[in-house]
Amino acid sequence: MAKKRKPRRKADDAAPGIDQDDNHPPEPTTTGEQPKPSEEATEQEIIEINVEHFTIPYNDKTIPSEIRGEGEVPALIWTHGAGGGLAAPAASEFANGFAESSAILSFQGSMNLPSRTKMFHAVMEHEKFDTALGGRSMGARAAVMAATQQDRQTKALVLVSFPLVGGKKNDSREQILLNLPESVDVLFISGDHDSMCNLEQLMEVIQRMKAKCWLVTVKGADHGMSWKPNGSVAAMRRKTGAVAAEWLKSREDGNRYCSLSWDKDGKIGEMRCTDWLASSPAQIEATEDSAQRVANKAEATEDDEPPAVKKRRRGKT
């Protein structure tokens, strides 16, 4: 049985800053007046999320933890990146979005990767739950490592802004992904402006992985899961959490790609999430571009033909 926790209460205000991976300095933050949130962001932010704070024993210390959402057992054990804690907006807003439909346990971890992985095990033992693990940035790496250790029965991984490269030499971190067994389903949520996870490289790794993979592309988002306009960032982060919660409940094997984008029409913008597709948006665009090039080439060739040939081609006499 899990340790009895403190009564639920509202979440504290999130601390400023952008969650970053280990071996990389935090991204600069802006100062001065913040842009007004869009109507979409405002609608998302007023949804009340209850947060229960408690601690989990860990050696001679404790692990600060939070649980959001309804349910006796969490649907996901989740942790933050290396440049921020539980209150970092990139982590907390994802958890808020997830909690709108499912329970999520988030824990505060060490900035050392092996230590963070051990903390995952401590949390799993405390909760008697190892079915679904996740994290953002360094936390995503720790989730992958924990899932493959100590005979865990992990069935699903939710990896937000997985740092495919990093360190002083931009070393590849793909091997732990390639080591995942076929029995694990993996959801990647990644921005197409993420300097630590090139989407073309990620797609290449996904093709080589034994585990089945799904990918949510957040158009315009960077490694900190930020995009423009700034006023819609919180809503976007929440949406990624909501998409992850729905994916854990139900996912189709044949449709593995979707995307989030900000569609601005006049002064008011709207966040859009595509349906799950059999091909990634990039693959669809490439196919459409290729088909258009073929059509353009055929049309140009026909324009160069003599009039008599054109008449015969069109069935004229």
C-alpha atoms as a PDB file:
ATOM      1  CA  MET A   1       0.000   0.000   0.000  1.00  0.00           C
ATOM      2  CA  ALA A   2       1.181   3.499  -0.741  1.00  0.00           C
ATOM      3  CA  LYS A   3       1.999   5.813   2.115  1.00  0.00           C
ATOM      4  CA  LYS A   4      -0.936   7.914   3.321  1.00  0.00           C
ATOM      5  CA  ARG A   5      -0.610  11.371   1.831  1.00  0.00           C
ATOM      6  CA  LYS A   6      -1.508  14.838   2.944  1.00  0.00           C
ATOM      7  CA  PRO A   7      -4.915  16.275   2.003  1.00  0.00           C
ATOM      8  CA  ARG A   8      -5.202  17.745  -1.468  1.00  0.00           C
ATOM      9  CA  ARG A   9      -4.714  21.465  -1.986  1.00  0.00           C
ATOM     10  CA  LYS A  10      -4.274  23.819  -4.904  1.00  0.00           C
ATOM     11  CA  ALA A  11      -0.953  23.934  -6.694  1.00  0.00           C
ATOM     12  CA  ASP A  12       1.587  26.574  -5.779  1.00  0.00           C
ATOM     13  CA  ASP A  13       2.474  29.147  -8.417  1.00  0.00           C
ATOM     14  CA  ALA A  14       5.075  27.754 -10.777  1.00  0.00           C
ATOM     15  CA  ALA A  15       8.547  29.172 -10.528  1.00  0.00           C
ATOM     16  CA  PRO A  16       9.883  31.001 -13.587  1.00  0.00           C
ATOM     17  CA  GLY A  17      12.459  29.528 -15.866  1.00  0.00           C
ATOM     18  CA  ILE A  18      12.770  26.920 -18.598  1.00  0.00           C
ATOM     19  CA  ASP A  19      13.600  23.317 -17.835  1.00  0.00           C
ATOM     20  CA  GLN A  20      16.874  22.276 -19.442  1.00  0.00           C
ATOM     21  CA  ASP A  21      18.907  19.141 -19.933  1.00  0.00           C
ATOM     22  CA  ASP A  22      22.065  18.278 -18.036  1.00  0.00           C
ATOM     23  CA  ASN A  23      25.366  19.672 -19.328  1.00  0.00           C
ATOM     24  CA  HIS A  24      23.517  22.599 -20.922  1.00  0.00           C
ATOM     25  CA  PRO A  25      22.988  26.033 -19.348  1.00  0.00           C
ATOM     26  CA  PRO A  26      19.425  27.281 -18.855  1.00  0.00           C
ATOM     27  CA  GLU A  27      17.945  29.225 -21.718  1.00  0.00           C
ATOM     28  CA  PRO A  28      17.796  32.983 -21.103  1.00  0.00           C
ATOM     29  CA  THR A  29      14.528  34.290 -19.727  1.00  0.00           C
ATOM     30  CA  THR A  30      12.905  37.530 -20.765  1.00  0.00           C
ATOM     31  CA  THR A  31      12.173  40.363 -18.385  1.00  0.00           C
ATOM     32  CA  GLY A  32       9.646  43.157 -18.411  1.00  0.00           C
ATOM     33  CA  GLU A  33       5.979  43.064 -19.280  1.00  0.00           C
ATOM     34  CA  GLN A  34       4.737  39.659 -20.337  1.00  0.00           C
ATOM     35  CA  PRO A  35       2.478  39.290 -23.372  1.00  0.00           C
ATOM     36  CA  LYS A  36      -1.215  38.921 -22.700  1.00  0.00           C
ATOM     37  CA  PRO A  37      -2.403  35.323 -22.937  1.00  0.00           C
ATOM     38  CA  SER A  38      -4.636  34.397 -25.816  1.00  0.00           C
ATOM     39  CA  GLU A  39      -8.257  33.369 -25.275  1.00  0.00           C
ATOM     40  CA  GLU A  40      -7.215  29.755 -25.762  1.00  0.00           C
ATOM     41  CA  ALA A  41      -4.527  30.016 -23.071  1.00  0.00           C
ATOM     42  CA  THR A  42      -6.854  31.785 -20.662  1.00  0.00           C
ATOM     43  CA  GLU A  43      -9.477  29.098 -21.065  1.00  0.00           C
ATOM     44  CA  GLN A  44      -6.915  26.411 -20.272  1.00  0.00           C
ATOM     45  CA  GLU A  45      -5.402  28.190 -17.282  1.00  0.00           C
ATOM     46  CA  ILE A  46      -8.679  28.637 -15.391  1.00  0.00           C
ATOM     47  CA  ILE A  47      -9.221  24.873 -15.115  1.00  0.00           C
ATOM     48  CA  GLU A  48      -8.591  24.106 -11.455  1.00  0.00           C
ATOM     49  CA  ILE A  49      -6.133  21.283 -10.798  1.00  0.00           C
ATOM     50  CA  ASN A  50      -5.789  19.933  -7.268  1.00  0.00           C
ATOM     51  CA  VAL A  51      -2.269  18.993  -6.224  1.00  0.00           C
ATOM     52  CA  GLU A  52      -1.428  16.715  -3.325  1.00  0.00           C
ATOM     53  CA  HIS A  53       2.082  17.184  -1.886  1.00  0.00           C
ATOM     54  CA  PHE A  54       3.848  14.396  -0.024  1.00  0.00           C
ATOM     55  CA  THR A  55       7.275  12.774   0.367  1.00  0.00           C
ATOM     56  CA  ILE A  56       8.600   9.315  -0.442  1.00  0.00           C
ATOM     57  CA  PRO A  57      11.382   7.704   1.667  1.00  0.00           C
ATOM     58  CA  TYR A  58      14.691   7.380  -0.157  1.00  0.00           C
ATOM     59  CA  ASN A  59      17.695   6.022   1.748  1.00  0.00           C
ATOM     60  CA  ASP A  60      18.128   8.477   4.644  1.00  0.00           C
ATOM     61  CA  LYS A  61      16.349  11.266   2.720  1.00  0.00           C
ATOM     62  CA  THR A  62      12.970  11.875   1.125  1.00  0.00           C
ATOM     63  CA  ILE A  63      11.762  12.546  -2.416  1.00  0.00           C
ATOM     64  CA  PRO A  64       9.382  15.541  -2.734  1.00  0.00           C
ATOM     65  CA  SER A  65       6.405  14.377  -4.770  1.00  0.00           C
ATOM     66  CA  GLU A  66       3.068  15.582  -6.097  1.00  0.00           C
ATOM     67  CA  ILE A  67       0.010  13.835  -7.417  1.00  0.00           C
ATOM     68  CA  ARG A  68      -2.619  15.438  -9.618  1.00  0.00           C
ATOM     69  CA  GLY A  69      -5.878  14.118 -10.931  1.00  0.00           C
ATOM     70  CA  GLU A  70      -8.407  11.559  -9.748  1.00  0.00           C
ATOM     71  CA  GLY A  71      -7.669   7.909  -9.121  1.00  0.00           C
ATOM     72  CA  GLU A  72      -6.278   5.621  -6.450  1.00  0.00           C
ATOM     73  CA  VAL A  73      -3.325   4.642  -8.650  1.00  0.00           C
ATOM     74  CA  PRO A  74      -1.415   7.038 -10.938  1.00  0.00           C
ATOM     75  CA  ALA A  75      -1.601   6.427 -14.659  1.00  0.00           C
ATOM     76  CA  LEU A  76       1.939   7.800 -15.049  1.00  0.00           C
ATOM     77  CA  ILE A  77       5.021   8.366 -12.887  1.00  0.00           C
ATOM     78  CA  TRP A  78       6.711  11.499 -14.214  1.00  0.00           C
ATOM     79  CA  THR A  79       9.778  13.640 -13.523  1.00  0.00           C
ATOM     80  CA  HIS A  80      11.238  16.965 -14.636  1.00  0.00           C
ATOM     81  CA  GLY A  81      14.411  17.863 -16.544  1.00  0.00           C
ATOM     82  CA  ALA A  82      17.820  18.976 -15.265  1.00  0.00           C
ATOM     83  CA  GLY A  83      17.381  22.746 -15.342  1.00  0.00           C
ATOM     84  CA  GLY A  84      14.326  23.031 -13.098  1.00  0.00           C
ATOM     85  CA  GLY A  85      12.186  21.213 -10.559  1.00  0.00           C
ATOM     86  CA  LEU A  86       8.552  20.262 -10.163  1.00  0.00           C
ATOM     87  CA  ALA A  87       7.511  23.912 -10.355  1.00  0.00           C
ATOM     88  CA  ALA A  88       9.242  24.538 -13.697  1.00  0.00           C
ATOM     89  CA  PRO A  89       6.432  25.507 -16.108  1.00  0.00           C
ATOM     90  CA  ALA A  90       7.502  23.017 -18.787  1.00  0.00           C
ATOM     91  CA  ALA A  91       7.019  20.190 -16.265  1.00  0.00           C
ATOM     92  CA  SER A  92       4.108  21.450 -14.179  1.00  0.00           C
ATOM     93  CA  GLU A  93       1.894  22.497 -17.096  1.00  0.00           C
ATOM     94  CA  PHE A  94       2.338  19.107 -18.761  1.00  0.00           C
ATOM     95  CA  ALA A  95       1.243  17.483 -15.496  1.00  0.00           C
ATOM     96  CA  ASN A  96      -1.750  19.836 -15.223  1.00  0.00           C
ATOM     97  CA  GLY A  97      -2.924  18.890 -18.710  1.00  0.00           C
ATOM     98  CA  PHE A  98      -2.451  15.188 -18.023  1.00  0.00           C
ATOM     99  CA  ALA A  99      -4.403  15.470 -14.770  1.00  0.00           C
ATOM    100  CA  GLU A 100      -7.500  16.788 -16.525  1.00  0.00           C
ATOM    101  CA  SER A 101      -8.373  13.164 -17.354  1.00  0.00           C
ATOM    102  CA  SER A 102      -5.935  10.889 -15.450  1.00  0.00           C
ATOM    103  CA  ALA A 103      -3.866  10.825 -12.266  1.00  0.00           C
ATOM    104  CA  ILE A 104      -0.165  11.623 -12.555  1.00  0.00           C
ATOM    105  CA  LEU A 105       2.551  11.376  -9.898  1.00  0.00           C
ATOM    106  CA  SER A 106       5.470  13.795 -10.343  1.00  0.00           C
ATOM    107  CA  PHE A 107       8.637  13.635  -8.268  1.00  0.00           C
ATOM    108  CA  GLN A 108      11.548  15.999  -7.641  1.00  0.00           C
ATOM    109  CA  GLY A 109      14.796  14.320  -8.611  1.00  0.00           C
ATOM    110  CA  SER A 110      18.538  14.688  -8.474  1.00  0.00           C
ATOM    111  CA  MET A 111      20.327  16.448 -11.334  1.00  0.00           C
ATOM    112  CA  ASN A 112      22.582  13.376 -11.612  1.00  0.00           C
ATOM    113  CA  LEU A 113      21.246  10.869 -14.149  1.00  0.00           C
ATOM    114  CA  PRO A 114      22.102   7.625 -12.272  1.00  0.00           C
ATOM    115  CA  SER A 115      20.660   9.077  -9.056  1.00  0.00           C
ATOM    116  CA  ARG A 116      17.487  10.147 -10.842  1.00  0.00           C
ATOM    117  CA  THR A 117      17.111   6.630 -12.211  1.00  0.00           C
ATOM    118  CA  LYS A 118      17.443   5.160  -8.694  1.00  0.00           C
ATOM    119  CA  MET A 119      14.787   7.595  -7.511  1.00  0.00           C
ATOM    120  CA  PHE A 120      12.452   6.253 -10.188  1.00  0.00           C
ATOM    121  CA  HIS A 121      12.850   2.814  -8.645  1.00  0.00           C
ATOM    122  CA  ALA A 122      12.180   4.171  -5.152  1.00  0.00           C
ATOM    123  CA  VAL A 123       8.970   5.844  -6.346  1.00  0.00           C
ATOM    124  CA  MET A 124       7.848   2.736  -8.225  1.00  0.00           C
ATOM    125  CA  GLU A 125       8.410   0.561  -5.145  1.00  0.00           C
ATOM    126  CA  HIS A 126       6.525   3.030  -2.940  1.00  0.00           C
ATOM    127  CA  GLU A 127       3.549   3.211  -5.313  1.00  0.00           C
ATOM    128  CA  LYS A 128       3.629  -0.451  -6.346  1.00  0.00           C
ATOM    129  CA  PHE A 129       3.348   0.776  -9.920  1.00  0.00           C
ATOM    130  CA  ASP A 130       5.726   0.505 -12.872  1.00  0.00           C
ATOM    131  CA  THR A 131       3.372   0.272 -15.861  1.00  0.00           C
ATOM    132  CA  ALA A 132       3.941   3.752 -17.339  1.00  0.00           C
ATOM    133  CA  LEU A 133       6.924   6.061 -16.771  1.00  0.00           C
ATOM    134  CA  GLY A 134       7.845   9.408 -18.281  1.00  0.00           C
ATOM    135  CA  GLY A 135       9.729  12.650 -18.037  1.00  0.00           C
ATOM    136  CA  ARG A 136      11.030  15.597 -19.969  1.00  0.00           C
ATOM    137  CA  SER A 137      14.595  16.072 -21.140  1.00  0.00           C
ATOM    138  CA  MET A 138      16.973  14.395 -18.666  1.00  0.00           C
ATOM    139  CA  GLY A 139      13.938  13.006 -16.855  1.00  0.00           C
ATOM    140  CA  ALA A 140      12.965  11.224 -20.082  1.00  0.00           C
ATOM    141  CA  ARG A 141      16.399   9.574 -20.225  1.00  0.00           C
ATOM    142  CA  ALA A 142      16.032   8.427 -16.613  1.00  0.00           C
ATOM    143  CA  ALA A 143      12.583   6.977 -17.384  1.00  0.00           C
ATOM    144  CA  VAL A 144      13.993   4.911 -20.273  1.00  0.00           C
ATOM    145  CA  MET A 145      16.830   3.600 -18.133  1.00  0.00           C
ATOM    146  CA  ALA A 146      14.566   2.747 -15.190  1.00  0.00           C
ATOM    147  CA  ALA A 147      12.149   0.877 -17.459  1.00  0.00           C
ATOM    148  CA  THR A 148      14.855  -1.571 -18.501  1.00  0.00           C
ATOM    149  CA  GLN A 149      16.282  -2.302 -15.051  1.00  0.00           C
ATOM    150  CA  GLN A 150      15.337  -4.632 -12.175  1.00  0.00           C
ATOM    151  CA  ASP A 151      12.883  -6.707 -14.227  1.00  0.00           C
ATOM    152  CA  ARG A 152      10.367  -3.895 -14.431  1.00  0.00           C
ATOM    153  CA  GLN A 153       7.028  -4.538 -16.130  1.00  0.00           C
ATOM    154  CA  THR A 154       6.859  -1.134 -17.806  1.00  0.00           C
ATOM    155  CA  LYS A 155       4.518  -1.146 -20.791  1.00  0.00           C
ATOM    156  CA  ALA A 156       4.612   2.508 -21.857  1.00  0.00           C
ATOM    157  CA  LEU A 157       7.005   5.478 -21.848  1.00  0.00           C
ATOM    158  CA  VAL A 158       6.077   9.143 -22.332  1.00  0.00           C
ATOM    159  CA  LEU A 159       9.188  11.057 -23.424  1.00  0.00           C
ATOM    160  CA  VAL A 160       8.907  14.844 -23.752  1.00  0.00           C
ATOM    161  CA  SER A 161      11.819  16.725 -25.375  1.00  0.00           C
ATOM    162  CA  PHE A 162      14.022  13.633 -25.283  1.00  0.00           C
ATOM    163  CA  PRO A 163      17.624  14.937 -25.692  1.00  0.00           C
ATOM    164  CA  LEU A 164      18.873  12.808 -28.561  1.00  0.00           C
ATOM    165  CA  VAL A 165      22.239  14.572 -28.398  1.00  0.00           C
ATOM    166  CA  GLY A 166      23.943  16.441 -25.566  1.00  0.00           C
ATOM    167  CA  GLY A 167      27.015  16.985 -23.484  1.00  0.00           C
ATOM    168  CA  LYS A 168      30.053  19.002 -24.444  1.00  0.00           C
ATOM    169  CA  LYS A 169      30.582  16.950 -27.612  1.00  0.00           C
ATOM    170  CA  ASN A 170      26.917  16.555 -28.556  1.00  0.00           C
ATOM    171  CA  ASP A 171      27.205  12.815 -28.029  1.00  0.00           C
ATOM    172  CA  SER A 172      24.369  10.609 -29.245  1.00  0.00           C
ATOM    173  CA  ARG A 173      21.987   9.214 -26.632  1.00  0.00           C
ATOM    174  CA  GLU A 174      20.156   6.864 -28.994  1.00  0.00           C
ATOM    175  CA  GLN A 175      21.469   3.561 -27.646  1.00  0.00           C
ATOM    176  CA  ILE A 176      19.173   3.401 -24.610  1.00  0.00           C
ATOM    177  CA  LEU A 177      16.238   3.832 -27.000  1.00  0.00           C
ATOM    178  CA  LEU A 178      17.504   1.062 -29.256  1.00  0.00           C
ATOM    179  CA  ASN A 179      17.785  -1.206 -26.197  1.00  0.00           C
ATOM    180  CA  LEU A 180      14.072  -0.943 -25.395  1.00  0.00           C
ATOM    181  CA  PRO A 181      12.225  -4.235 -25.944  1.00  0.00           C
ATOM    182  CA  GLU A 182       9.286  -4.849 -28.263  1.00  0.00           C
ATOM    183  CA  SER A 183       6.946  -5.039 -25.274  1.00  0.00           C
ATOM    184  CA  VAL A 184       7.264  -1.296 -24.541  1.00  0.00           C
ATOM    185  CA  ASP A 185       5.235   1.375 -26.350  1.00  0.00           C
ATOM    186  CA  VAL A 186       6.891   4.795 -26.589  1.00  0.00           C
ATOM    187  CA  LEU A 187       5.332   8.230 -27.065  1.00  0.00           C
ATOM    188  CA  PHE A 188       7.721  10.991 -28.125  1.00  0.00           C
ATOM    189  CA  ILE A 189       6.562  14.609 -27.786  1.00  0.00           C
ATOM    190  CA  SER A 190       9.087  16.883 -29.444  1.00  0.00           C
ATOM    191  CA  GLY A 191       9.292  20.395 -30.882  1.00  0.00           C
ATOM    192  CA  ASP A 192      10.490  20.786 -34.438  1.00  0.00           C
ATOM    193  CA  HIS A 193      12.822  23.602 -33.262  1.00  0.00           C
ATOM    194  CA  ASP A 194      14.425  21.485 -30.527  1.00  0.00           C
ATOM    195  CA  SER A 195      18.192  21.936 -30.863  1.00  0.00           C
ATOM    196  CA  MET A 196      18.807  18.722 -28.891  1.00  0.00           C
ATOM    197  CA  CYS A 197      16.495  16.490 -30.915  1.00  0.00           C
ATOM    198  CA  ASN A 198      16.517  16.919 -34.669  1.00  0.00           C
ATOM    199  CA  LEU A 199      13.262  15.383 -35.917  1.00  0.00           C
ATOM    200  CA  GLU A 200      14.863  13.780 -38.961  1.00  0.00           C
ATOM    201  CA  GLN A 201      17.402  12.070 -36.710  1.00  0.00           C
ATOM    202  CA  LEU A 202      14.676  11.053 -34.280  1.00  0.00           C
ATOM    203  CA  MET A 203      12.629   9.529 -37.117  1.00  0.00           C
ATOM    204  CA  GLU A 204      15.687   7.574 -38.216  1.00  0.00           C
ATOM    205  CA  VAL A 205      16.163   6.250 -34.667  1.00  0.00           C
ATOM    206  CA  ILE A 206      12.466   5.366 -34.412  1.00  0.00           C
ATOM    207  CA  GLN A 207      12.768   3.260 -37.579  1.00  0.00           C
ATOM    208  CA  ARG A 208      15.569   1.276 -35.932  1.00  0.00           C
ATOM    209  CA  MET A 209      13.929   0.797 -32.541  1.00  0.00           C
ATOM    210  CA  LYS A 210      12.386  -2.542 -31.548  1.00  0.00           C
ATOM    211  CA  ALA A 211       9.782  -0.772 -29.415  1.00  0.00           C
ATOM    212  CA  LYS A 212       6.681   0.591 -31.126  1.00  0.00           C
ATOM    213  CA  CYS A 213       6.770   4.388 -31.259  1.00  0.00           C
ATOM    214  CA  TRP A 214       4.343   7.262 -31.612  1.00  0.00           C
ATOM    215  CA  LEU A 215       5.357  10.878 -32.247  1.00  0.00           C
ATOM    216  CA  VAL A 216       3.682  14.190 -31.467  1.00  0.00           C
ATOM    217  CA  THR A 217       5.400  17.054 -33.307  1.00  0.00           C
ATOM    218  CA  VAL A 218       4.895  20.466 -31.701  1.00  0.00           C
ATOM    219  CA  LYS A 219       5.437  22.899 -34.557  1.00  0.00           C
ATOM    220  CA  GLY A 220       7.579  25.890 -33.616  1.00  0.00           C
ATOM    221  CA  ALA A 221       8.471  24.556 -30.134  1.00  0.00           C
ATOM    222  CA  ASP A 222      12.029  24.462 -28.793  1.00  0.00           C
ATOM    223  CA  HIS A 223      13.688  22.183 -26.229  1.00  0.00           C
ATOM    224  CA  GLY A 224      12.027  24.072 -23.369  1.00  0.00           C
ATOM    225  CA  MET A 225       8.653  23.419 -25.077  1.00  0.00           C
ATOM    226  CA  SER A 226       8.141  27.125 -25.776  1.00  0.00           C
ATOM    227  CA  TRP A 227       6.867  28.741 -28.975  1.00  0.00           C
ATOM    228  CA  LYS A 228       5.416  32.006 -30.268  1.00  0.00           C
ATOM    229  CA  PRO A 229       3.104  33.650 -29.409  1.00  0.00           C
ATOM    230  CA  ASN A 230       4.248  33.466 -25.792  1.00  0.00           C
ATOM    231  CA  GLY A 231       0.732  33.892 -24.461  1.00  0.00           C
ATOM    232  CA  SER A 232      -0.254  30.436 -25.701  1.00  0.00           C
ATOM    233  CA  VAL A 233       2.707  28.486 -24.264  1.00  0.00           C
ATOM    234  CA  ALA A 234       0.936  27.307 -21.089  1.00  0.00           C
ATOM    235  CA  ALA A 235      -2.043  26.055 -23.110  1.00  0.00           C
ATOM    236  CA  MET A 236       0.251  24.213 -25.502  1.00  0.00           C
ATOM    237  CA  ARG A 237       2.132  22.511 -22.673  1.00  0.00           C
ATOM    238  CA  ARG A 238      -1.145  21.475 -21.098  1.00  0.00           C
ATOM    239  CA  LYS A 239      -2.329  20.108 -24.415  1.00  0.00           C
ATOM    240  CA  THR A 240       0.758  17.889 -24.679  1.00  0.00           C
ATOM    241  CA  GLY A 241      -0.114  16.455 -21.272  1.00  0.00           C
ATOM    242  CA  ALA A 242      -3.730  15.875 -22.302  1.00  0.00           C
ATOM    243  CA  VAL A 243      -2.619  14.124 -25.507  1.00  0.00           C
ATOM    244  CA  ALA A 244      -0.285  11.878 -23.490  1.00  0.00           C
ATOM    245  CA  ALA A 245      -3.087  10.919 -21.082  1.00  0.00           C
ATOM    246  CA  GLU A 246      -5.393   9.988 -23.946  1.00  0.00           C
ATOM    247  CA  TRP A 247      -2.613   8.032 -25.651  1.00  0.00           C
ATOM    248  CA  LEU A 248      -2.078   5.936 -22.519  1.00  0.00           C
ATOM    249  CA  LYS A 249      -5.790   5.111 -22.424  1.00  0.00           C
ATOM    250  CA  SER A 250      -6.117   4.180 -26.084  1.00  0.00           C
ATOM    251  CA  ARG A 251      -3.781   4.126 -29.075  1.00  0.00           C
ATOM    252  CA  GLU A 252      -4.000   2.694 -32.569  1.00  0.00           C
ATOM    253  CA  ASP A 253      -1.098   0.676 -33.868  1.00  0.00           C
ATOM    254  CA  GLY A 254      -1.558   1.878 -37.443  1.00  0.00           C
ATOM    255  CA  ASN A 255      -1.744   5.614 -36.711  1.00  0.00           C
ATOM    256  CA  ARG A 256       1.366   6.870 -34.969  1.00  0.00           C
ATOM    257  CA  TYR A 257       1.862  10.532 -35.860  1.00  0.00           C
ATOM    258  CA  CYS A 258       0.110  13.768 -34.973  1.00  0.00           C
ATOM    259  CA  SER A 259       1.070  17.419 -34.604  1.00  0.00           C
ATOM    260  CA  LEU A 260       0.241  20.495 -32.542  1.00  0.00           C
ATOM    261  CA  SER A 261       0.384  23.940 -34.111  1.00  0.00           C
ATOM    262  CA  TRP A 262      -0.766  27.514 -33.557  1.00  0.00           C
ATOM    263  CA  ASP A 263      -3.048  28.751 -36.297  1.00  0.00           C
ATOM    264  CA  LYS A 264      -3.405  32.526 -36.166  1.00  0.00           C
ATOM    265  CA  ASP A 265      -6.425  34.006 -37.885  1.00  0.00           C
ATOM    266  CA  GLY A 266      -6.518  37.771 -37.388  1.00  0.00           C
ATOM    267  CA  LYS A 267      -5.820  38.901 -33.828  1.00  0.00           C
ATOM    268  CA  ILE A 268      -6.982  35.687 -32.152  1.00  0.00           C
ATOM    269  CA  GLY A 269      -5.066  32.456 -32.644  1.00  0.00           C
ATOM    270  CA  GLU A 270      -6.165  28.876 -32.146  1.00  0.00           C
ATOM    271  CA  MET A 271      -4.206  25.798 -31.155  1.00  0.00           C
ATOM    272  CA  ARG A 272      -4.802  22.862 -33.452  1.00  0.00           C
ATOM    273  CA  CYS A 273      -4.087  19.186 -32.934  1.00  0.00           C
ATOM    274  CA  THR A 274      -4.330  16.853 -35.902  1.00  0.00           C
ATOM    275  CA  ASP A 275      -5.821  13.380 -35.783  1.00  0.00           C
ATOM    276  CA  TRP A 276      -3.411  10.490 -35.476  1.00  0.00           C
ATOM    277  CA  LEU A 277      -2.070   9.610 -38.929  1.00  0.00           C
ATOM    278  CA  ALA A 278      -0.285   6.653 -40.468  1.00  0.00           C
ATOM    279  CA  SER A 279       2.475   8.957 -41.739  1.00  0.00           C
ATOM    280  CA  SER A 280       4.127  11.916 -40.086  1.00  0.00           C
ATOM    281  CA  PRO A 281       3.187  15.420 -41.267  1.00  0.00           C
ATOM    282  CA  ALA A 282       6.718  15.793 -42.638  1.00  0.00           C
ATOM    283  CA  GLN A 283       6.351  12.586 -44.647  1.00  0.00           C
ATOM    284  CA  ILE A 284       2.970  13.728 -45.955  1.00  0.00           C
ATOM    285  CA  GLU A 285       4.405  17.100 -46.972  1.00  0.00           C
ATOM    286  CA  ALA A 286       7.350  15.387 -48.684  1.00  0.00           C
ATOM    287  CA  THR A 287       4.991  13.090 -50.602  1.00  0.00           C
ATOM    288  CA  GLU A 288       2.790  16.002 -51.641  1.00  0.00           C
ATOM    289  CA  ASP A 289       5.845  18.033 -52.706  1.00  0.00           C
ATOM    290  CA  SER A 290       7.142  15.097 -54.741  1.00  0.00           C
ATOM    291  CA  ALA A 291       3.760  14.614 -56.435  1.00  0.00           C
ATOM    292  CA  GLN A 292       3.578  18.332 -57.211  1.00  0.00           C
ATOM    293  CA  ARG A 293       7.062  18.294 -58.719  1.00  0.00           C
ATOM    294  CA  VAL A 294       6.092  15.359 -60.963  1.00  0.00           C
ATOM    295  CA  ALA A 295       2.932  17.172 -62.036  1.00  0.00           C
ATOM    296  CA  ASN A 296       4.854  20.374 -62.738  1.00  0.00           C
ATOM    297  CA  LYS A 297       7.452  18.466 -64.767  1.00  0.00           C
ATOM    298  CA  ALA A 298       4.751  16.726 -66.817  1.00  0.00           C
ATOM    299  CA  GLU A 299       3.020  20.032 -67.461  1.00  0.00           C
ATOM    300  CA  ALA A 300       6.289  21.680 -68.511  1.00  0.00           C
ATOM    301  CA  THR A 301       7.050  18.762 -70.858  1.00  0.00           C
ATOM    302  CA  GLU A 302       3.616  19.058 -72.459  1.00  0.00           C
ATOM    303  CA  ASP A 303       4.081  22.792 -72.980  1.00  0.00           C
ATOM    304  CA  ASP A 304       7.268  22.078 -74.958  1.00  0.00           C
ATOM    305  CA  GLU A 305       5.575  19.614 -77.322  1.00  0.00           C
ATOM    306  CA  PRO A 306       4.617  20.604 -80.892  1.00  0.00           C
ATOM    307  CA  PRO A 307       0.896  21.486 -81.425  1.00  0.00           C
ATOM    308  CA  ALA A 308       0.235  18.310 -83.426  1.00  0.00           C
ATOM    309  CA  VAL A 309       1.501  16.114 -80.610  1.00  0.00           C
ATOM    310  CA  LYS A 310      -0.596  18.019 -78.069  1.00  0.00           C
ATOM    311  CA  LYS A 311      -3.731  17.403 -80.184  1.00  0.00           C
ATOM    312  CA  ARG A 312      -3.057  13.652 -80.415  1.00  0.00           C
ATOM    313  CA  ARG A 313      -2.411  13.492 -76.624  1.00  0.00           C
ATOM    314  CA  ARG A 314      -5.707  15.202 -75.930  1.00  0.00           C
ATOM    315  CA  GLY A 315      -7.625  12.957 -78.328  1.00  0.00           C
ATOM    316  CA  LYS A 316      -8.251  15.681 -80.905  1.00  0.00           C
ATOM    317  CA  THR A 317      -8.268  15.235 -84.707  1.00  0.00           C
END
